[in-house]
Amino acid sequence: MRQFVDSSNYSTDLLKFLINGTQLSFDRNCMENFAIFMKELKKVAKIYADTKARLVVKIFETLHKCRKGEQSQKDLTALKQTLQFLGENTWLTYVLEASDRF
């Protein structure tokens, strides 16, 4: 990925890669990889001021904390309502399915 840094599609491709890696690591409960992908995703969200990256970071931070029992049901409900308000139906479905597993 780094060799294509000058490409106009680099930031988009990098973001997709990081989101997919984060989601896959979370789904497979591979916390070592999850931590690596989240760290990089947070960097991208900050560097590019990307709203989608920030949203995904918030989704996975909330789900991860819920899985560990550190997040309240109130916060999870707020996340679901926000996703519904934003029309992010794919992410809403993902959060609903993921939250049913813990």
PDB file of N, CA and C in Angstrom:
ATOM      1  N   MET A   1       0.828  -1.192   0.000  1.00  0.00           N
ATOM      2  CA  MET A   1       0.000   0.000   0.000  1.00  0.00           C
ATOM      3  C   MET A   1       0.874   1.258   0.000  1.00  0.00           C
ATOM      4  N   ARG A   2       1.949   1.235   0.749  1.00  0.00           N
ATOM      5  CA  ARG A   2       2.753   2.446   0.884  1.00  0.00           C
ATOM      6  C   ARG A   2       3.386   2.877  -0.439  1.00  0.00           C
ATOM      7  N   GLN A   3       3.654   1.942  -1.359  1.00  0.00           N
ATOM      8  CA  GLN A   3       4.285   2.324  -2.609  1.00  0.00           C
ATOM      9  C   GLN A   3       3.333   3.119  -3.504  1.00  0.00           C
ATOM     10  N   PHE A   4       2.047   3.082  -3.221  1.00  0.00           N
ATOM     11  CA  PHE A   4       1.080   3.820  -4.018  1.00  0.00           C
ATOM     12  C   PHE A   4       0.636   5.107  -3.325  1.00  0.00           C
ATOM     13  N   VAL A   5       1.458   5.624  -2.437  1.00  0.00           N
ATOM     14  CA  VAL A   5       1.122   6.802  -1.647  1.00  0.00           C
ATOM     15  C   VAL A   5       0.816   8.012  -2.517  1.00  0.00           C
ATOM     16  N   ASP A   6       1.374   8.090  -3.692  1.00  0.00           N
ATOM     17  CA  ASP A   6       1.145   9.228  -4.570  1.00  0.00           C
ATOM     18  C   ASP A   6      -0.138   9.083  -5.386  1.00  0.00           C
ATOM     19  N   SER A   7      -0.739   7.938  -5.355  1.00  0.00           N
ATOM     20  CA  SER A   7      -1.962   7.708  -6.099  1.00  0.00           C
ATOM     21  C   SER A   7      -3.109   8.509  -5.496  1.00  0.00           C
ATOM     22  N   SER A   8      -3.979   8.997  -6.369  1.00  0.00           N
ATOM     23  CA  SER A   8      -5.135   9.758  -5.883  1.00  0.00           C
ATOM     24  C   SER A   8      -6.114   8.861  -5.132  1.00  0.00           C
ATOM     25  N   ASN A   9      -6.031   7.571  -5.347  1.00  0.00           N
ATOM     26  CA  ASN A   9      -6.922   6.626  -4.670  1.00  0.00           C
ATOM     27  C   ASN A   9      -6.324   6.055  -3.391  1.00  0.00           C
ATOM     28  N   TYR A  10      -5.122   6.461  -3.059  1.00  0.00           N
ATOM     29  CA  TYR A  10      -4.421   5.861  -1.922  1.00  0.00           C
ATOM     30  C   TYR A  10      -5.207   5.967  -0.632  1.00  0.00           C
ATOM     31  N   SER A  11      -5.696   7.146  -0.294  1.00  0.00           N
ATOM     32  CA  SER A  11      -6.387   7.309   0.987  1.00  0.00           C
ATOM     33  C   SER A  11      -7.668   6.492   1.033  1.00  0.00           C
ATOM     34  N   THR A  12      -8.384   6.428  -0.088  1.00  0.00           N
ATOM     35  CA  THR A  12      -9.607   5.633  -0.152  1.00  0.00           C
ATOM     36  C   THR A  12      -9.293   4.147  -0.009  1.00  0.00           C
ATOM     37  N   ASP A  13      -8.294   3.679  -0.734  1.00  0.00           N
ATOM     38  CA  ASP A  13      -7.909   2.268  -0.668  1.00  0.00           C
ATOM     39  C   ASP A  13      -7.386   1.900   0.713  1.00  0.00           C
ATOM     40  N   LEU A  14      -6.596   2.776   1.293  1.00  0.00           N
ATOM     41  CA  LEU A  14      -6.057   2.525   2.630  1.00  0.00           C
ATOM     42  C   LEU A  14      -7.188   2.439   3.650  1.00  0.00           C
ATOM     43  N   LEU A  15      -8.134   3.349   3.557  1.00  0.00           N
ATOM     44  CA  LEU A  15      -9.268   3.350   4.479  1.00  0.00           C
ATOM     45  C   LEU A  15     -10.079   2.063   4.357  1.00  0.00           C
ATOM     46  N   LYS A  16     -10.359   1.639   3.138  1.00  0.00           N
ATOM     47  CA  LYS A  16     -11.098   0.383   2.929  1.00  0.00           C
ATOM     48  C   LYS A  16     -10.333  -0.798   3.513  1.00  0.00           C
ATOM     49  N   PHE A  17      -9.031  -0.843   3.280  1.00  0.00           N
ATOM     50  CA  PHE A  17      -8.195  -1.920   3.810  1.00  0.00           C
ATOM     51  C   PHE A  17      -8.246  -1.957   5.336  1.00  0.00           C
ATOM     52  N   LEU A  18      -8.111  -0.795   5.958  1.00  0.00           N
ATOM     53  CA  LEU A  18      -8.104  -0.732   7.422  1.00  0.00           C
ATOM     54  C   LEU A  18      -9.468  -1.077   8.011  1.00  0.00           C
ATOM     55  N   ILE A  19     -10.527  -0.617   7.390  1.00  0.00           N
ATOM     56  CA  ILE A  19     -11.869  -0.944   7.876  1.00  0.00           C
ATOM     57  C   ILE A  19     -12.125  -2.441   7.757  1.00  0.00           C
ATOM     58  N   ASN A  20     -11.795  -3.017   6.607  1.00  0.00           N
ATOM     59  CA  ASN A  20     -11.995  -4.454   6.417  1.00  0.00           C
ATOM     60  C   ASN A  20     -11.150  -5.270   7.394  1.00  0.00           C
ATOM     61  N   GLY A  21      -9.910  -4.866   7.591  1.00  0.00           N
ATOM     62  CA  GLY A  21      -9.036  -5.577   8.533  1.00  0.00           C
ATOM     63  C   GLY A  21      -9.531  -5.466   9.961  1.00  0.00           C
ATOM     64  N   THR A  22     -10.017  -4.297  10.330  1.00  0.00           N
ATOM     65  CA  THR A  22     -10.555  -4.090  11.678  1.00  0.00           C
ATOM     66  C   THR A  22     -11.774  -4.961  11.894  1.00  0.00           C
ATOM     67  N   GLN A  23     -12.674  -4.948  10.921  1.00  0.00           N
ATOM     68  CA  GLN A  23     -13.908  -5.726  11.031  1.00  0.00           C
ATOM     69  C   GLN A  23     -13.615  -7.224  11.081  1.00  0.00           C
ATOM     70  N   LEU A  24     -12.747  -7.688  10.233  1.00  0.00           N
ATOM     71  CA  LEU A  24     -12.400  -9.107  10.203  1.00  0.00           C
ATOM     72  C   LEU A  24     -11.738  -9.535  11.515  1.00  0.00           C
ATOM     73  N   SER A  25     -10.833  -8.722  12.018  1.00  0.00           N
ATOM     74  CA  SER A  25     -10.155  -9.034  13.284  1.00  0.00           C
ATOM     75  C   SER A  25     -11.141  -9.067  14.434  1.00  0.00           C
ATOM     76  N   PHE A  26     -12.069  -8.128  14.456  1.00  0.00           N
ATOM     77  CA  PHE A  26     -13.086  -8.089  15.505  1.00  0.00           C
ATOM     78  C   PHE A  26     -13.977  -9.318  15.417  1.00  0.00           C
ATOM     79  N   ASP A  27     -14.439  -9.637  14.208  1.00  0.00           N
ATOM     80  CA  ASP A  27     -15.327 -10.795  14.021  1.00  0.00           C
ATOM     81  C   ASP A  27     -14.654 -12.106  14.418  1.00  0.00           C
ATOM     82  N   ARG A  28     -13.364 -12.197  14.164  1.00  0.00           N
ATOM     83  CA  ARG A  28     -12.631 -13.418  14.485  1.00  0.00           C
ATOM     84  C   ARG A  28     -12.073 -13.406  15.908  1.00  0.00           C
ATOM     85  N   ASN A  29     -12.356 -12.314  16.626  1.00  0.00           N
ATOM     86  CA  ASN A  29     -11.909 -12.156  18.013  1.00  0.00           C
ATOM     87  C   ASN A  29     -10.390 -12.247  18.128  1.00  0.00           C
ATOM     88  N   CYS A  30      -9.708 -11.705  17.134  1.00  0.00           N
ATOM     89  CA  CYS A  30      -8.245 -11.671  17.126  1.00  0.00           C
ATOM     90  C   CYS A  30      -7.814 -10.284  17.616  1.00  0.00           C
ATOM     91  N   MET A  31      -7.699 -10.144  18.911  1.00  0.00           N
ATOM     92  CA  MET A  31      -7.495  -8.839  19.519  1.00  0.00           C
ATOM     93  C   MET A  31      -6.128  -8.228  19.217  1.00  0.00           C
ATOM     94  N   GLU A  32      -5.133  -9.055  18.954  1.00  0.00           N
ATOM     95  CA  GLU A  32      -3.811  -8.528  18.603  1.00  0.00           C
ATOM     96  C   GLU A  32      -3.884  -7.779  17.270  1.00  0.00           C
ATOM     97  N   ASN A  33      -4.486  -8.418  16.267  1.00  0.00           N
ATOM     98  CA  ASN A  33      -4.648  -7.761  14.966  1.00  0.00           C
ATOM     99  C   ASN A  33      -5.622  -6.592  15.060  1.00  0.00           C
ATOM    100  N   PHE A  34      -6.668  -6.762  15.851  1.00  0.00           N
ATOM    101  CA  PHE A  34      -7.657  -5.698  16.032  1.00  0.00           C
ATOM    102  C   PHE A  34      -6.981  -4.429  16.554  1.00  0.00           C
ATOM    103  N   ALA A  35      -6.110  -4.583  17.520  1.00  0.00           N
ATOM    104  CA  ALA A  35      -5.414  -3.428  18.095  1.00  0.00           C
ATOM    105  C   ALA A  35      -4.536  -2.739  17.047  1.00  0.00           C
ATOM    106  N   ILE A  36      -3.872  -3.519  16.210  1.00  0.00           N
ATOM    107  CA  ILE A  36      -3.011  -2.963  15.162  1.00  0.00           C
ATOM    108  C   ILE A  36      -3.847  -2.175  14.153  1.00  0.00           C
ATOM    109  N   PHE A  37      -4.931  -2.786  13.686  1.00  0.00           N
ATOM    110  CA  PHE A  37      -5.778  -2.110  12.704  1.00  0.00           C
ATOM    111  C   PHE A  37      -6.436  -0.862  13.297  1.00  0.00           C
ATOM    112  N   MET A  38      -6.888  -0.931  14.535  1.00  0.00           N
ATOM    113  CA  MET A  38      -7.521   0.230  15.165  1.00  0.00           C
ATOM    114  C   MET A  38      -6.532   1.382  15.304  1.00  0.00           C
ATOM    115  N   LYS A  39      -5.311   1.070  15.672  1.00  0.00           N
ATOM    116  CA  LYS A  39      -4.286   2.107  15.813  1.00  0.00           C
ATOM    117  C   LYS A  39      -4.082   2.830  14.487  1.00  0.00           C
ATOM    118  N   GLU A  40      -3.966   2.072  13.413  1.00  0.00           N
ATOM    119  CA  GLU A  40      -3.761   2.670  12.088  1.00  0.00           C
ATOM    120  C   GLU A  40      -5.008   3.405  11.612  1.00  0.00           C
ATOM    121  N   LEU A  41      -6.181   2.859  11.900  1.00  0.00           N
ATOM    122  CA  LEU A  41      -7.431   3.504  11.503  1.00  0.00           C
ATOM    123  C   LEU A  41      -7.594   4.852  12.204  1.00  0.00           C
ATOM    124  N   LYS A  42      -7.218   4.907  13.469  1.00  0.00           N
ATOM    125  CA  LYS A  42      -7.274   6.173  14.210  1.00  0.00           C
ATOM    126  C   LYS A  42      -6.327   7.199  13.608  1.00  0.00           C
ATOM    127  N   LYS A  43      -5.146   6.750  13.166  1.00  0.00           N
ATOM    128  CA  LYS A  43      -4.194   7.660  12.522  1.00  0.00           C
ATOM    129  C   LYS A  43      -4.782   8.238  11.242  1.00  0.00           C
ATOM    130  N   VAL A  44      -5.371   7.379  10.423  1.00  0.00           N
ATOM    131  CA  VAL A  44      -5.967   7.821   9.161  1.00  0.00           C
ATOM    132  C   VAL A  44      -7.106   8.795   9.429  1.00  0.00           C
ATOM    133  N   ALA A  45      -7.922   8.492  10.421  1.00  0.00           N
ATOM    134  CA  ALA A  45      -9.042   9.373  10.758  1.00  0.00           C
ATOM    135  C   ALA A  45      -8.549  10.764  11.134  1.00  0.00           C
ATOM    136  N   LYS A  46      -7.421  10.793  11.823  1.00  0.00           N
ATOM    137  CA  LYS A  46      -6.870  12.078  12.256  1.00  0.00           C
ATOM    138  C   LYS A  46      -6.155  12.805  11.114  1.00  0.00           C
ATOM    139  N   ILE A  47      -5.318  12.094  10.386  1.00  0.00           N
ATOM    140  CA  ILE A  47      -4.522  12.700   9.315  1.00  0.00           C
ATOM    141  C   ILE A  47      -5.412  13.262   8.203  1.00  0.00           C
ATOM    142  N   TYR A  48      -6.378  12.469   7.762  1.00  0.00           N
ATOM    143  CA  TYR A  48      -7.211  12.873   6.636  1.00  0.00           C
ATOM    144  C   TYR A  48      -8.511  13.546   7.079  1.00  0.00           C
ATOM    145  N   ALA A  49      -8.727  13.684   8.382  1.00  0.00           N
ATOM    146  CA  ALA A  49      -9.967  14.263   8.918  1.00  0.00           C
ATOM    147  C   ALA A  49     -11.173  13.610   8.250  1.00  0.00           C
ATOM    148  N   ASP A  50     -11.128  12.288   8.177  1.00  0.00           N
ATOM    149  CA  ASP A  50     -12.143  11.522   7.468  1.00  0.00           C
ATOM    150  C   ASP A  50     -13.287  11.147   8.408  1.00  0.00           C
ATOM    151  N   THR A  51     -14.482  11.602   8.074  1.00  0.00           N
ATOM    152  CA  THR A  51     -15.652  11.359   8.910  1.00  0.00           C
ATOM    153  C   THR A  51     -16.012   9.881   8.968  1.00  0.00           C
ATOM    154  N   LYS A  52     -15.911   9.195   7.837  1.00  0.00           N
ATOM    155  CA  LYS A  52     -16.229   7.763   7.824  1.00  0.00           C
ATOM    156  C   LYS A  52     -15.269   6.988   8.722  1.00  0.00           C
ATOM    157  N   ALA A  53     -13.997   7.334   8.658  1.00  0.00           N
ATOM    158  CA  ALA A  53     -13.015   6.657   9.515  1.00  0.00           C
ATOM    159  C   ALA A  53     -13.327   6.913  10.985  1.00  0.00           C
ATOM    160  N   ARG A  54     -13.705   8.134  11.308  1.00  0.00           N
ATOM    161  CA  ARG A  54     -14.066   8.452  12.694  1.00  0.00           C
ATOM    162  C   ARG A  54     -15.283   7.657  13.150  1.00  0.00           C
ATOM    163  N   LEU A  55     -16.266   7.526  12.260  1.00  0.00           N
ATOM    164  CA  LEU A  55     -17.467   6.759  12.580  1.00  0.00           C
ATOM    165  C   LEU A  55     -17.129   5.300  12.848  1.00  0.00           C
ATOM    166  N   VAL A  56     -16.297   4.721  11.991  1.00  0.00           N
ATOM    167  CA  VAL A  56     -15.911   3.315  12.157  1.00  0.00           C
ATOM    168  C   VAL A  56     -15.103   3.119  13.437  1.00  0.00           C
ATOM    169  N   VAL A  57     -14.226   4.051  13.740  1.00  0.00           N
ATOM    170  CA  VAL A  57     -13.466   3.980  14.992  1.00  0.00           C
ATOM    171  C   VAL A  57     -14.423   3.963  16.175  1.00  0.00           C
ATOM    172  N   LYS A  58     -15.404   4.846  16.167  1.00  0.00           N
ATOM    173  CA  LYS A  58     -16.374   4.917  17.269  1.00  0.00           C
ATOM    174  C   LYS A  58     -17.180   3.629  17.367  1.00  0.00           C
ATOM    175  N   ILE A  59     -17.584   3.079  16.233  1.00  0.00           N
ATOM    176  CA  ILE A  59     -18.345   1.828  16.224  1.00  0.00           C
ATOM    177  C   ILE A  59     -17.544   0.722  16.893  1.00  0.00           C
ATOM    178  N   PHE A  60     -16.301   0.543  16.467  1.00  0.00           N
ATOM    179  CA  PHE A  60     -15.514  -0.564  16.994  1.00  0.00           C
ATOM    180  C   PHE A  60     -15.027  -0.319  18.416  1.00  0.00           C
ATOM    181  N   GLU A  61     -14.798   0.929  18.784  1.00  0.00           N
ATOM    182  CA  GLU A  61     -14.461   1.213  20.179  1.00  0.00           C
ATOM    183  C   GLU A  61     -15.632   0.833  21.082  1.00  0.00           C
ATOM    184  N   THR A  62     -16.830   1.203  20.675  1.00  0.00           N
ATOM    185  CA  THR A  62     -18.021   0.892  21.467  1.00  0.00           C
ATOM    186  C   THR A  62     -18.257  -0.602  21.546  1.00  0.00           C
ATOM    187  N   LEU A  63     -18.188  -1.291  20.403  1.00  0.00           N
ATOM    188  CA  LEU A  63     -18.409  -2.741  20.398  1.00  0.00           C
ATOM    189  C   LEU A  63     -17.346  -3.472  21.215  1.00  0.00           C
ATOM    190  N   HIS A  64     -16.107  -3.028  21.091  1.00  0.00           N
ATOM    191  CA  HIS A  64     -15.019  -3.667  21.844  1.00  0.00           C
ATOM    192  C   HIS A  64     -15.219  -3.494  23.349  1.00  0.00           C
ATOM    193  N   LYS A  65     -15.588  -2.289  23.758  1.00  0.00           N
ATOM    194  CA  LYS A  65     -15.832  -2.042  25.180  1.00  0.00           C
ATOM    195  C   LYS A  65     -17.043  -2.823  25.670  1.00  0.00           C
ATOM    196  N   CYS A  66     -18.069  -2.956  24.833  1.00  0.00           N
ATOM    197  CA  CYS A  66     -19.244  -3.757  25.214  1.00  0.00           C
ATOM    198  C   CYS A  66     -18.865  -5.224  25.383  1.00  0.00           C
ATOM    199  N   ARG A  67     -18.054  -5.708  24.470  1.00  0.00           N
ATOM    200  CA  ARG A  67     -17.617  -7.102  24.546  1.00  0.00           C
ATOM    201  C   ARG A  67     -16.866  -7.368  25.845  1.00  0.00           C
ATOM    202  N   LYS A  68     -16.092  -6.369  26.283  1.00  0.00           N
ATOM    203  CA  LYS A  68     -15.319  -6.515  27.520  1.00  0.00           C
ATOM    204  C   LYS A  68     -16.132  -6.139  28.760  1.00  0.00           C
ATOM    205  N   GLY A  69     -17.367  -5.666  28.574  1.00  0.00           N
ATOM    206  CA  GLY A  69     -18.207  -5.284  29.696  1.00  0.00           C
ATOM    207  C   GLY A  69     -17.888  -3.922  30.272  1.00  0.00           C
ATOM    208  N   GLU A  70     -17.213  -3.081  29.495  1.00  0.00           N
ATOM    209  CA  GLU A  70     -16.801  -1.760  29.965  1.00  0.00           C
ATOM    210  C   GLU A  70     -17.702  -0.634  29.460  1.00  0.00           C
ATOM    211  N   GLN A  71     -18.638  -0.952  28.587  1.00  0.00           N
ATOM    212  CA  GLN A  71     -19.498   0.065  27.989  1.00  0.00           C
ATOM    213  C   GLN A  71     -20.939  -0.192  28.423  1.00  0.00           C
ATOM    214  N   SER A  72     -21.662   0.857  28.682  1.00  0.00           N
ATOM    215  CA  SER A  72     -23.041   0.708  29.128  1.00  0.00           C
ATOM    216  C   SER A  72     -23.964   0.448  27.940  1.00  0.00           C
ATOM    217  N   GLN A  73     -25.087  -0.131  28.233  1.00  0.00           N
ATOM    218  CA  GLN A  73     -26.103  -0.380  27.218  1.00  0.00           C
ATOM    219  C   GLN A  73     -26.625   0.945  26.656  1.00  0.00           C
ATOM    220  N   LYS A  74     -26.589   1.978  27.490  1.00  0.00           N
ATOM    221  CA  LYS A  74     -27.034   3.307  27.077  1.00  0.00           C
ATOM    222  C   LYS A  74     -26.181   3.822  25.925  1.00  0.00           C
ATOM    223  N   ASP A  75     -24.866   3.632  26.010  1.00  0.00           N
ATOM    224  CA  ASP A  75     -23.962   4.081  24.951  1.00  0.00           C
ATOM    225  C   ASP A  75     -24.182   3.292  23.661  1.00  0.00           C
ATOM    226  N   LEU A  76     -24.437   2.004  23.790  1.00  0.00           N
ATOM    227  CA  LEU A  76     -24.708   1.172  22.625  1.00  0.00           C
ATOM    228  C   LEU A  76     -26.010   1.607  21.952  1.00  0.00           C
ATOM    229  N   THR A  77     -27.007   1.922  22.753  1.00  0.00           N
ATOM    230  CA  THR A  77     -28.280   2.411  22.213  1.00  0.00           C
ATOM    231  C   THR A  77     -28.080   3.746  21.492  1.00  0.00           C
ATOM    232  N   ALA A  78     -27.266   4.621  22.059  1.00  0.00           N
ATOM    233  CA  ALA A  78     -26.982   5.910  21.423  1.00  0.00           C
ATOM    234  C   ALA A  78     -26.286   5.703  20.080  1.00  0.00           C
ATOM    235  N   LEU A  79     -25.364   4.754  20.019  1.00  0.00           N
ATOM    236  CA  LEU A  79     -24.678   4.451  18.765  1.00  0.00           C
ATOM    237  C   LEU A  79     -25.678   3.954  17.728  1.00  0.00           C
ATOM    238  N   LYS A  80     -26.556   3.058  18.108  1.00  0.00           N
ATOM    239  CA  LYS A  80     -27.564   2.530  17.187  1.00  0.00           C
ATOM    240  C   LYS A  80     -28.469   3.645  16.674  1.00  0.00           C
ATOM    241  N   GLN A  81     -28.888   4.525  17.553  1.00  0.00           N
ATOM    242  CA  GLN A  81     -29.752   5.633  17.150  1.00  0.00           C
ATOM    243  C   GLN A  81     -29.019   6.581  16.194  1.00  0.00           C
ATOM    244  N   THR A  82     -27.754   6.821  16.450  1.00  0.00           N
ATOM    245  CA  THR A  82     -26.962   7.694  15.583  1.00  0.00           C
ATOM    246  C   THR A  82     -26.812   7.089  14.201  1.00  0.00           C
ATOM    247  N   LEU A  83     -26.512   5.798  14.143  1.00  0.00           N
ATOM    248  CA  LEU A  83     -26.374   5.130  12.851  1.00  0.00           C
ATOM    249  C   LEU A  83     -27.691   5.159  12.085  1.00  0.00           C
ATOM    250  N   GLN A  84     -28.781   4.972  12.795  1.00  0.00           N
ATOM    251  CA  GLN A  84     -30.097   5.029  12.157  1.00  0.00           C
ATOM    252  C   GLN A  84     -30.367   6.435  11.624  1.00  0.00           C
ATOM    253  N   PHE A  85     -30.068   7.450  12.418  1.00  0.00           N
ATOM    254  CA  PHE A  85     -30.266   8.840  12.013  1.00  0.00           C
ATOM    255  C   PHE A  85     -29.446   9.189  10.780  1.00  0.00           C
ATOM    256  N   LEU A  86     -28.204   8.697  10.739  1.00  0.00           N
ATOM    257  CA  LEU A  86     -27.312   8.984   9.608  1.00  0.00           C
ATOM    258  C   LEU A  86     -27.637   8.154   8.361  1.00  0.00           C
ATOM    259  N   GLY A  87     -28.533   7.196   8.505  1.00  0.00           N
ATOM    260  CA  GLY A  87     -28.878   6.337   7.376  1.00  0.00           C
ATOM    261  C   GLY A  87     -27.820   5.305   7.061  1.00  0.00           C
ATOM    262  N   GLU A  88     -26.993   5.002   8.049  1.00  0.00           N
ATOM    263  CA  GLU A  88     -25.923   4.006   7.888  1.00  0.00           C
ATOM    264  C   GLU A  88     -26.488   2.617   8.209  1.00  0.00           C
ATOM    265  N   ASN A  89     -27.392   2.150   7.333  1.00  0.00           N
ATOM    266  CA  ASN A  89     -28.117   0.906   7.595  1.00  0.00           C
ATOM    267  C   ASN A  89     -27.220  -0.324   7.614  1.00  0.00           C
ATOM    268  N   THR A  90     -26.197  -0.342   6.791  1.00  0.00           N
ATOM    269  CA  THR A  90     -25.274  -1.480   6.775  1.00  0.00           C
ATOM    270  C   THR A  90     -24.539  -1.581   8.107  1.00  0.00           C
ATOM    271  N   TRP A  91     -24.041  -0.439   8.595  1.00  0.00           N
ATOM    272  CA  TRP A  91     -23.346  -0.445   9.883  1.00  0.00           C
ATOM    273  C   TRP A  91     -24.321  -0.711  11.023  1.00  0.00           C
ATOM    274  N   LEU A  92     -25.529  -0.215  10.920  1.00  0.00           N
ATOM    275  CA  LEU A  92     -26.533  -0.469  11.958  1.00  0.00           C
ATOM    276  C   LEU A  92     -26.809  -1.960  12.063  1.00  0.00           C
ATOM    277  N   THR A  93     -26.983  -2.618  10.940  1.00  0.00           N
ATOM    278  CA  THR A  93     -27.208  -4.069  10.930  1.00  0.00           C
ATOM    279  C   THR A  93     -26.019  -4.791  11.544  1.00  0.00           C
ATOM    280  N   TYR A  94     -24.822  -4.355  11.191  1.00  0.00           N
ATOM    281  CA  TYR A  94     -23.615  -4.979  11.742  1.00  0.00           C
ATOM    282  C   TYR A  94     -23.571  -4.829  13.262  1.00  0.00           C
ATOM    283  N   VAL A  95     -23.846  -3.634  13.750  1.00  0.00           N
ATOM    284  CA  VAL A  95     -23.823  -3.383  15.205  1.00  0.00           C
ATOM    285  C   VAL A  95     -24.893  -4.203  15.909  1.00  0.00           C
ATOM    286  N   LEU A  96     -26.074  -4.285  15.333  1.00  0.00           N
ATOM    287  CA  LEU A  96     -27.161  -5.078  15.930  1.00  0.00           C
ATOM    288  C   LEU A  96     -26.767  -6.555  16.023  1.00  0.00           C
ATOM    289  N   GLU A  97     -26.201  -7.085  14.949  1.00  0.00           N
ATOM    290  CA  GLU A  97     -25.779  -8.495  14.944  1.00  0.00           C
ATOM    291  C   GLU A  97     -24.616  -8.733  15.899  1.00  0.00           C
ATOM    292  N   ALA A  98     -23.661  -7.823  15.916  1.00  0.00           N
ATOM    293  CA  ALA A  98     -22.493  -7.983  16.789  1.00  0.00           C
ATOM    294  C   ALA A  98     -22.909  -7.882  18.260  1.00  0.00           C
ATOM    295  N   SER A  99     -23.798  -6.960  18.566  1.00  0.00           N
ATOM    296  CA  SER A  99     -24.201  -6.778  19.957  1.00  0.00           C
ATOM    297  C   SER A  99     -25.051  -7.937  20.471  1.00  0.00           C
ATOM    298  N   ASP A 100     -25.685  -8.665  19.568  1.00  0.00           N
ATOM    299  CA  ASP A 100     -26.450  -9.852  19.973  1.00  0.00           C
ATOM    300  C   ASP A 100     -25.544 -10.990  20.413  1.00  0.00           C
ATOM    301  N   ARG A 101     -24.264 -10.944  20.005  1.00  0.00           N
ATOM    302  CA  ARG A 101     -23.338 -12.022  20.339  1.00  0.00           C
ATOM    303  C   ARG A 101     -22.719 -11.887  21.724  1.00  0.00           C
ATOM    304  N   PHE A 102     -22.937 -10.749  22.400  1.00  0.00           N
ATOM    305  CA  PHE A 102     -22.403 -10.606  23.743  1.00  0.00           C
ATOM    306  C   PHE A 102     -23.410  -9.966  24.655  1.00  0.00           C
TER     307      PHE A 102
END
